[in-house]
Amino acid sequence: MYTRATGPVLELNKAVPSFDESGLPPVPFSMKLMPGECAIIEVRDNSRATAFADMCSGLVPLVDGAVKFMGLDWADLRDREKNALRGRIGRMSHRPSWPDFLGTYMGIGLQQLHHTTRDMSEVVIEATQLSSWFGLPGLPVLRPDMLSETDLIRASCVRAFLGNPQILLLENLLDACPADLEEAFVGAVVAARNKEAGVIWLVRNNTMQRRYRQLATSMWRLVDDGLVAVRAG
């Protein structure tokens, strides 16, 4: 199941999402993301960015076309296979996704504990190391509603990069964040790409595209006509 694909880590092949289920324009989406590549996509609307990441994760029904992750078509997989594949996805999302009744450390580790067979102690050790990398004093045990907004973003970074994901679907949460967090985030993206993870970074405006152009292997804009390639320069 985890054999590394020799082709794209993610492929949208004329994928037409259900508008009713996603709010995305019901037009064909096509793109390929190879291991180690970074696609920066400008999406003005946060809900559309989340829906696009959902589509890449096999969570949006398609009217036509296909979305493949690691060479496997989401539509052909059973629930157990989908869950296993989602253990290879790291996400940062604008959608509220922290269970308020659990300590933040559990919210960080739930994806790995649910979608993989990793031992909890192993997950905790890695999460603690990532917490330090992203500027937290340790693995946060307080409930998410007791953390500052910045520390919750740091925790979101920990959760996204946990487990050496094969693909990172990152909605930009870094606006007005401290410089040390931005630096740690960029370093983590570079490190993940060096391990051949594919990265999709969804930003709200072309200022962010220009700012991080050096990280991108391709740049796109999500508009009513679908995905439009943006020329560098």
C-alpha atoms as a PDB file:
ATOM      1  CA  MET A   1       0.000   0.000   0.000  1.00  0.00           C
ATOM      2  CA  TYR A   2       2.872   2.370   0.794  1.00  0.00           C
ATOM      3  CA  THR A   3       5.103   1.491  -2.168  1.00  0.00           C
ATOM      4  CA  ARG A   4       6.421   4.738  -3.570  1.00  0.00           C
ATOM      5  CA  ALA A   5       4.851   5.642  -6.872  1.00  0.00           C
ATOM      6  CA  THR A   6       7.219   6.360  -9.750  1.00  0.00           C
ATOM      7  CA  GLY A   7       4.747   8.798 -11.282  1.00  0.00           C
ATOM      8  CA  PRO A   8       2.872  11.787  -9.860  1.00  0.00           C
ATOM      9  CA  VAL A   9       2.160  11.833  -6.150  1.00  0.00           C
ATOM     10  CA  LEU A  10      -1.083  13.629  -7.042  1.00  0.00           C
ATOM     11  CA  GLU A  11      -2.890  13.823 -10.357  1.00  0.00           C
ATOM     12  CA  LEU A  12      -6.093  15.645 -11.211  1.00  0.00           C
ATOM     13  CA  ASN A  13      -7.205  14.322 -14.579  1.00  0.00           C
ATOM     14  CA  LYS A  14     -10.057  16.498 -15.862  1.00  0.00           C
ATOM     15  CA  ALA A  15     -11.668  16.124 -12.437  1.00  0.00           C
ATOM     16  CA  VAL A  16     -15.059  17.856 -12.300  1.00  0.00           C
ATOM     17  CA  PRO A  17     -16.143  18.317  -8.660  1.00  0.00           C
ATOM     18  CA  SER A  18     -19.763  18.264  -7.556  1.00  0.00           C
ATOM     19  CA  PHE A  19     -20.692  21.904  -6.973  1.00  0.00           C
ATOM     20  CA  ASP A  20     -23.420  20.961  -4.485  1.00  0.00           C
ATOM     21  CA  GLU A  21     -20.940  18.971  -2.373  1.00  0.00           C
ATOM     22  CA  SER A  22     -17.998  21.354  -2.550  1.00  0.00           C
ATOM     23  CA  GLY A  23     -18.843  24.824  -3.834  1.00  0.00           C
ATOM     24  CA  LEU A  24     -16.021  24.478  -6.339  1.00  0.00           C
ATOM     25  CA  PRO A  25     -16.734  25.462  -9.945  1.00  0.00           C
ATOM     26  CA  PRO A  26     -17.996  22.351 -11.797  1.00  0.00           C
ATOM     27  CA  VAL A  27     -15.304  22.525 -14.475  1.00  0.00           C
ATOM     28  CA  PRO A  28     -12.425  20.162 -15.288  1.00  0.00           C
ATOM     29  CA  PHE A  29      -9.396  20.486 -12.979  1.00  0.00           C
ATOM     30  CA  SER A  30      -6.113  19.111 -14.313  1.00  0.00           C
ATOM     31  CA  MET A  31      -2.651  19.170 -12.758  1.00  0.00           C
ATOM     32  CA  LYS A  32       0.195  16.806 -11.848  1.00  0.00           C
ATOM     33  CA  LEU A  33       2.385  17.037  -8.787  1.00  0.00           C
ATOM     34  CA  MET A  34       5.568  14.975  -8.779  1.00  0.00           C
ATOM     35  CA  PRO A  35       7.478  13.911  -5.638  1.00  0.00           C
ATOM     36  CA  GLY A  36       9.484  16.868  -4.295  1.00  0.00           C
ATOM     37  CA  GLU A  37       7.547  19.497  -6.238  1.00  0.00           C
ATOM     38  CA  CYS A  38       5.823  22.511  -4.683  1.00  0.00           C
ATOM     39  CA  ALA A  39       2.765  24.063  -6.332  1.00  0.00           C
ATOM     40  CA  ILE A  40       1.656  27.416  -4.950  1.00  0.00           C
ATOM     41  CA  ILE A  41      -2.006  28.083  -5.739  1.00  0.00           C
ATOM     42  CA  GLU A  42      -3.688  31.450  -5.267  1.00  0.00           C
ATOM     43  CA  VAL A  43      -7.231  30.978  -3.951  1.00  0.00           C
ATOM     44  CA  ARG A  44      -8.996  34.144  -2.840  1.00  0.00           C
ATOM     45  CA  ASP A  45     -11.725  32.382  -0.875  1.00  0.00           C
ATOM     46  CA  ASN A  46     -10.768  30.296   2.157  1.00  0.00           C
ATOM     47  CA  SER A  47     -13.716  27.939   1.757  1.00  0.00           C
ATOM     48  CA  ARG A  48     -12.668  27.186  -1.822  1.00  0.00           C
ATOM     49  CA  ALA A  49      -9.127  26.482  -0.657  1.00  0.00           C
ATOM     50  CA  THR A  50     -10.451  23.977   1.876  1.00  0.00           C
ATOM     51  CA  ALA A  51     -12.745  22.383  -0.712  1.00  0.00           C
ATOM     52  CA  PHE A  52      -9.855  22.042  -3.176  1.00  0.00           C
ATOM     53  CA  ALA A  53      -7.739  20.310  -0.528  1.00  0.00           C
ATOM     54  CA  ASP A  54     -10.732  18.069   0.207  1.00  0.00           C
ATOM     55  CA  MET A  55     -10.925  17.145  -3.479  1.00  0.00           C
ATOM     56  CA  CYS A  56      -7.233  16.234  -3.499  1.00  0.00           C
ATOM     57  CA  SER A  57      -7.897  14.042  -0.437  1.00  0.00           C
ATOM     58  CA  GLY A  58     -10.721  12.124  -2.105  1.00  0.00           C
ATOM     59  CA  LEU A  59     -13.417  13.782   0.000  1.00  0.00           C
ATOM     60  CA  VAL A  60     -15.362  15.481  -2.811  1.00  0.00           C
ATOM     61  CA  PRO A  61     -17.594  13.470  -5.191  1.00  0.00           C
ATOM     62  CA  LEU A  62     -16.718  13.952  -8.845  1.00  0.00           C
ATOM     63  CA  VAL A  63     -19.115  14.411 -11.739  1.00  0.00           C
ATOM     64  CA  ASP A  64     -16.411  13.347 -14.185  1.00  0.00           C
ATOM     65  CA  GLY A  65     -12.678  12.688 -14.389  1.00  0.00           C
ATOM     66  CA  ALA A  66     -10.426  11.332 -11.673  1.00  0.00           C
ATOM     67  CA  VAL A  67      -8.218  12.314  -8.742  1.00  0.00           C
ATOM     68  CA  LYS A  68      -5.300   9.961  -8.082  1.00  0.00           C
ATOM     69  CA  PHE A  69      -3.014   9.909  -5.068  1.00  0.00           C
ATOM     70  CA  MET A  70       0.190   7.864  -5.290  1.00  0.00           C
ATOM     71  CA  GLY A  71      -1.164   6.383  -8.521  1.00  0.00           C
ATOM     72  CA  LEU A  72      -4.430   5.208  -6.952  1.00  0.00           C
ATOM     73  CA  ASP A  73      -7.828   6.566  -7.960  1.00  0.00           C
ATOM     74  CA  TRP A  74      -9.758   7.618  -4.851  1.00  0.00           C
ATOM     75  CA  ALA A  75     -12.998   6.471  -6.488  1.00  0.00           C
ATOM     76  CA  ASP A  76     -11.730   2.884  -6.816  1.00  0.00           C
ATOM     77  CA  LEU A  77     -10.724   2.451  -3.178  1.00  0.00           C
ATOM     78  CA  ARG A  78     -12.576   0.966  -0.229  1.00  0.00           C
ATOM     79  CA  ASP A  79     -12.861   2.901   3.022  1.00  0.00           C
ATOM     80  CA  ARG A  80     -10.007   1.003   4.679  1.00  0.00           C
ATOM     81  CA  GLU A  81      -7.698   1.763   1.756  1.00  0.00           C
ATOM     82  CA  LYS A  82      -8.731   5.427   1.741  1.00  0.00           C
ATOM     83  CA  ASN A  83      -8.015   5.707   5.453  1.00  0.00           C
ATOM     84  CA  ALA A  84      -4.572   4.174   4.988  1.00  0.00           C
ATOM     85  CA  LEU A  85      -3.752   6.614   2.184  1.00  0.00           C
ATOM     86  CA  ARG A  86      -4.936   9.577   4.233  1.00  0.00           C
ATOM     87  CA  GLY A  87      -2.304   8.638   6.777  1.00  0.00           C
ATOM     88  CA  ARG A  88       0.154   9.849   4.131  1.00  0.00           C
ATOM     89  CA  ILE A  89      -1.413  13.319   3.859  1.00  0.00           C
ATOM     90  CA  GLY A  90      -0.421  16.311   5.978  1.00  0.00           C
ATOM     91  CA  ARG A  91      -2.954  19.146   6.109  1.00  0.00           C
ATOM     92  CA  MET A  92      -3.281  22.659   7.450  1.00  0.00           C
ATOM     93  CA  SER A  93      -6.818  23.973   7.090  1.00  0.00           C
ATOM     94  CA  HIS A  94      -8.883  27.069   7.763  1.00  0.00           C
ATOM     95  CA  ARG A  95     -11.707  24.722   8.762  1.00  0.00           C
ATOM     96  CA  PRO A  96     -12.036  24.400  12.564  1.00  0.00           C
ATOM     97  CA  SER A  97     -10.698  20.917  13.248  1.00  0.00           C
ATOM     98  CA  TRP A  98      -9.643  20.731  16.881  1.00  0.00           C
ATOM     99  CA  PRO A  99     -11.734  18.612  19.275  1.00  0.00           C
ATOM    100  CA  ASP A 100     -12.338  20.960  22.205  1.00  0.00           C
ATOM    101  CA  PHE A 101     -12.814  18.164  24.734  1.00  0.00           C
ATOM    102  CA  LEU A 102      -9.282  16.771  24.209  1.00  0.00           C
ATOM    103  CA  GLY A 103      -5.861  18.152  24.979  1.00  0.00           C
ATOM    104  CA  THR A 104      -4.188  19.672  21.927  1.00  0.00           C
ATOM    105  CA  TYR A 105      -1.581  16.898  21.942  1.00  0.00           C
ATOM    106  CA  MET A 106      -4.339  14.379  21.193  1.00  0.00           C
ATOM    107  CA  GLY A 107      -5.687  16.531  18.380  1.00  0.00           C
ATOM    108  CA  ILE A 108      -2.187  16.621  16.915  1.00  0.00           C
ATOM    109  CA  GLY A 109      -1.775  12.844  17.012  1.00  0.00           C
ATOM    110  CA  LEU A 110      -5.285  11.668  16.086  1.00  0.00           C
ATOM    111  CA  GLN A 111      -4.664  11.509  12.348  1.00  0.00           C
ATOM    112  CA  GLN A 112      -1.597   9.307  12.778  1.00  0.00           C
ATOM    113  CA  LEU A 113      -3.244   7.144  15.422  1.00  0.00           C
ATOM    114  CA  HIS A 114      -6.400   6.659  13.326  1.00  0.00           C
ATOM    115  CA  HIS A 115      -4.966   6.268   9.837  1.00  0.00           C
ATOM    116  CA  THR A 116      -1.690   4.435  10.570  1.00  0.00           C
ATOM    117  CA  THR A 117      -0.437   1.584  12.744  1.00  0.00           C
ATOM    118  CA  ARG A 118       2.173   3.704  14.552  1.00  0.00           C
ATOM    119  CA  ASP A 119       2.550   3.264  18.294  1.00  0.00           C
ATOM    120  CA  MET A 120       1.397   6.232  20.365  1.00  0.00           C
ATOM    121  CA  SER A 121       4.774   6.610  22.080  1.00  0.00           C
ATOM    122  CA  GLU A 122       6.462   6.952  18.680  1.00  0.00           C
ATOM    123  CA  VAL A 123       3.933   9.582  17.603  1.00  0.00           C
ATOM    124  CA  VAL A 124       4.423  11.537  20.854  1.00  0.00           C
ATOM    125  CA  ILE A 125       8.224  11.559  20.479  1.00  0.00           C
ATOM    126  CA  GLU A 126       8.060  12.907  16.923  1.00  0.00           C
ATOM    127  CA  ALA A 127       5.331  15.426  17.806  1.00  0.00           C
ATOM    128  CA  THR A 128       7.429  16.713  20.704  1.00  0.00           C
ATOM    129  CA  GLN A 129      10.419  17.225  18.406  1.00  0.00           C
ATOM    130  CA  LEU A 130       8.265  19.072  15.865  1.00  0.00           C
ATOM    131  CA  SER A 131       6.736  21.205  18.634  1.00  0.00           C
ATOM    132  CA  SER A 132      10.217  22.411  19.510  1.00  0.00           C
ATOM    133  CA  TRP A 133      10.988  23.071  15.836  1.00  0.00           C
ATOM    134  CA  PHE A 134       7.900  25.256  15.468  1.00  0.00           C
ATOM    135  CA  GLY A 135       8.625  27.246  18.623  1.00  0.00           C
ATOM    136  CA  LEU A 136       6.404  25.612  21.229  1.00  0.00           C
ATOM    137  CA  PRO A 137       7.881  24.976  24.697  1.00  0.00           C
ATOM    138  CA  GLY A 138       6.791  21.347  24.428  1.00  0.00           C
ATOM    139  CA  LEU A 139       3.946  19.208  23.162  1.00  0.00           C
ATOM    140  CA  PRO A 140       0.874  21.287  24.132  1.00  0.00           C
ATOM    141  CA  VAL A 141      -1.420  19.516  26.602  1.00  0.00           C
ATOM    142  CA  LEU A 142      -3.958  22.332  27.165  1.00  0.00           C
ATOM    143  CA  ARG A 143      -7.234  22.310  25.257  1.00  0.00           C
ATOM    144  CA  PRO A 144      -7.095  24.175  21.920  1.00  0.00           C
ATOM    145  CA  ASP A 145      -9.378  26.957  23.206  1.00  0.00           C
ATOM    146  CA  MET A 146      -6.820  27.706  25.927  1.00  0.00           C
ATOM    147  CA  LEU A 147      -3.967  28.339  23.468  1.00  0.00           C
ATOM    148  CA  SER A 148      -3.175  31.663  21.839  1.00  0.00           C
ATOM    149  CA  GLU A 149      -3.989  31.975  18.141  1.00  0.00           C
ATOM    150  CA  THR A 150      -0.297  31.859  17.251  1.00  0.00           C
ATOM    151  CA  ASP A 151       0.378  28.772  19.360  1.00  0.00           C
ATOM    152  CA  LEU A 152      -2.601  27.038  17.778  1.00  0.00           C
ATOM    153  CA  ILE A 153      -1.096  27.737  14.353  1.00  0.00           C
ATOM    154  CA  ARG A 154       2.196  26.300  15.616  1.00  0.00           C
ATOM    155  CA  ALA A 155       0.261  23.200  16.710  1.00  0.00           C
ATOM    156  CA  SER A 156      -1.376  23.030  13.266  1.00  0.00           C
ATOM    157  CA  CYS A 157       2.100  22.991  11.713  1.00  0.00           C
ATOM    158  CA  VAL A 158       3.148  20.138  14.012  1.00  0.00           C
ATOM    159  CA  ARG A 159       0.085  18.119  13.033  1.00  0.00           C
ATOM    160  CA  ALA A 160       0.583  18.732   9.297  1.00  0.00           C
ATOM    161  CA  PHE A 161       4.246  17.685   9.179  1.00  0.00           C
ATOM    162  CA  LEU A 162       3.877  14.736  11.563  1.00  0.00           C
ATOM    163  CA  GLY A 163       4.585  11.302  10.089  1.00  0.00           C
ATOM    164  CA  ASN A 164       6.680  12.262   7.022  1.00  0.00           C
ATOM    165  CA  PRO A 165       3.633  12.783   4.768  1.00  0.00           C
ATOM    166  CA  GLN A 166       3.800  11.925   1.096  1.00  0.00           C
ATOM    167  CA  ILE A 167       1.873  15.081   0.262  1.00  0.00           C
ATOM    168  CA  LEU A 168       1.263  18.312   2.159  1.00  0.00           C
ATOM    169  CA  LEU A 169      -1.945  20.264   1.555  1.00  0.00           C
ATOM    170  CA  LEU A 170      -1.263  23.582   3.260  1.00  0.00           C
ATOM    171  CA  GLU A 171      -3.795  26.382   3.484  1.00  0.00           C
ATOM    172  CA  ASN A 172      -1.878  29.503   4.410  1.00  0.00           C
ATOM    173  CA  LEU A 173      -2.344  30.394   8.079  1.00  0.00           C
ATOM    174  CA  LEU A 174       0.817  32.460   8.426  1.00  0.00           C
ATOM    175  CA  ASP A 175      -0.550  35.990   7.911  1.00  0.00           C
ATOM    176  CA  ALA A 176       0.769  38.252  10.684  1.00  0.00           C
ATOM    177  CA  CYS A 177       2.626  35.388  12.366  1.00  0.00           C
ATOM    178  CA  PRO A 178       6.021  35.890  14.057  1.00  0.00           C
ATOM    179  CA  ALA A 179       9.095  35.693  11.832  1.00  0.00           C
ATOM    180  CA  ASP A 180      10.425  32.648  13.699  1.00  0.00           C
ATOM    181  CA  LEU A 181       7.289  30.641  12.847  1.00  0.00           C
ATOM    182  CA  GLU A 182       7.426  31.655   9.192  1.00  0.00           C
ATOM    183  CA  GLU A 183      11.104  30.647   9.054  1.00  0.00           C
ATOM    184  CA  ALA A 184      10.390  27.288  10.728  1.00  0.00           C
ATOM    185  CA  PHE A 185       7.492  26.648   8.338  1.00  0.00           C
ATOM    186  CA  VAL A 186       9.576  27.335   5.228  1.00  0.00           C
ATOM    187  CA  GLY A 187      12.361  25.132   6.612  1.00  0.00           C
ATOM    188  CA  ALA A 188       9.902  22.302   7.214  1.00  0.00           C
ATOM    189  CA  VAL A 189       8.578  22.611   3.644  1.00  0.00           C
ATOM    190  CA  VAL A 190      12.108  22.421   2.255  1.00  0.00           C
ATOM    191  CA  ALA A 191      12.926  19.402   4.440  1.00  0.00           C
ATOM    192  CA  ALA A 192       9.729  17.617   3.360  1.00  0.00           C
ATOM    193  CA  ARG A 193      10.495  18.242  -0.309  1.00  0.00           C
ATOM    194  CA  ASN A 194      14.000  16.864   0.190  1.00  0.00           C
ATOM    195  CA  LYS A 195      12.280  13.660   1.365  1.00  0.00           C
ATOM    196  CA  GLU A 196      10.270  13.724  -1.908  1.00  0.00           C
ATOM    197  CA  ALA A 197       6.993  14.909  -0.450  1.00  0.00           C
ATOM    198  CA  GLY A 198       4.800  16.842  -2.854  1.00  0.00           C
ATOM    199  CA  VAL A 199       3.535  20.185  -1.554  1.00  0.00           C
ATOM    200  CA  ILE A 200       0.441  22.193  -2.443  1.00  0.00           C
ATOM    201  CA  TRP A 201       0.486  25.586  -0.727  1.00  0.00           C
ATOM    202  CA  LEU A 202      -2.816  27.459  -1.009  1.00  0.00           C
ATOM    203  CA  VAL A 203      -2.387  31.221  -0.544  1.00  0.00           C
ATOM    204  CA  ARG A 204      -4.917  34.069  -0.661  1.00  0.00           C
ATOM    205  CA  ASN A 205      -3.141  36.564  -2.924  1.00  0.00           C
ATOM    206  CA  ASN A 206      -0.371  36.938  -5.458  1.00  0.00           C
ATOM    207  CA  THR A 207       1.735  38.861  -2.923  1.00  0.00           C
ATOM    208  CA  MET A 208       2.302  35.557  -1.132  1.00  0.00           C
ATOM    209  CA  GLN A 209       3.020  33.896  -4.482  1.00  0.00           C
ATOM    210  CA  ARG A 210       5.732  36.434  -5.249  1.00  0.00           C
ATOM    211  CA  ARG A 211       7.126  36.275  -1.714  1.00  0.00           C
ATOM    212  CA  TYR A 212       7.710  32.525  -1.819  1.00  0.00           C
ATOM    213  CA  ARG A 213       8.328  32.127  -5.537  1.00  0.00           C
ATOM    214  CA  GLN A 214      11.733  30.574  -4.879  1.00  0.00           C
ATOM    215  CA  LEU A 215      10.020  27.572  -3.234  1.00  0.00           C
ATOM    216  CA  ALA A 216       7.628  26.911  -6.103  1.00  0.00           C
ATOM    217  CA  THR A 217       8.111  24.555  -9.013  1.00  0.00           C
ATOM    218  CA  SER A 218       4.781  25.798 -10.418  1.00  0.00           C
ATOM    219  CA  MET A 219       2.267  28.550  -9.650  1.00  0.00           C
ATOM    220  CA  TRP A 220      -1.460  28.496 -10.253  1.00  0.00           C
ATOM    221  CA  ARG A 221      -4.614  30.481  -9.675  1.00  0.00           C
ATOM    222  CA  LEU A 222      -7.980  28.895  -8.830  1.00  0.00           C
ATOM    223  CA  VAL A 223     -10.727  30.849 -10.600  1.00  0.00           C
ATOM    224  CA  ASP A 224     -14.232  30.165 -11.895  1.00  0.00           C
ATOM    225  CA  ASP A 225     -12.709  28.534 -14.976  1.00  0.00           C
ATOM    226  CA  GLY A 226     -10.719  26.096 -12.817  1.00  0.00           C
ATOM    227  CA  LEU A 227      -6.942  26.023 -12.384  1.00  0.00           C
ATOM    228  CA  VAL A 228      -4.953  28.491 -14.447  1.00  0.00           C
ATOM    229  CA  ALA A 229      -1.156  28.288 -14.631  1.00  0.00           C
ATOM    230  CA  VAL A 230       0.657  31.494 -13.674  1.00  0.00           C
ATOM    231  CA  ARG A 231       3.914  32.344 -15.394  1.00  0.00           C
ATOM    232  CA  ALA A 232       6.852  33.164 -13.165  1.00  0.00           C
ATOM    233  CA  GLY A 233       8.691  36.414 -13.675  1.00  0.00           C
END
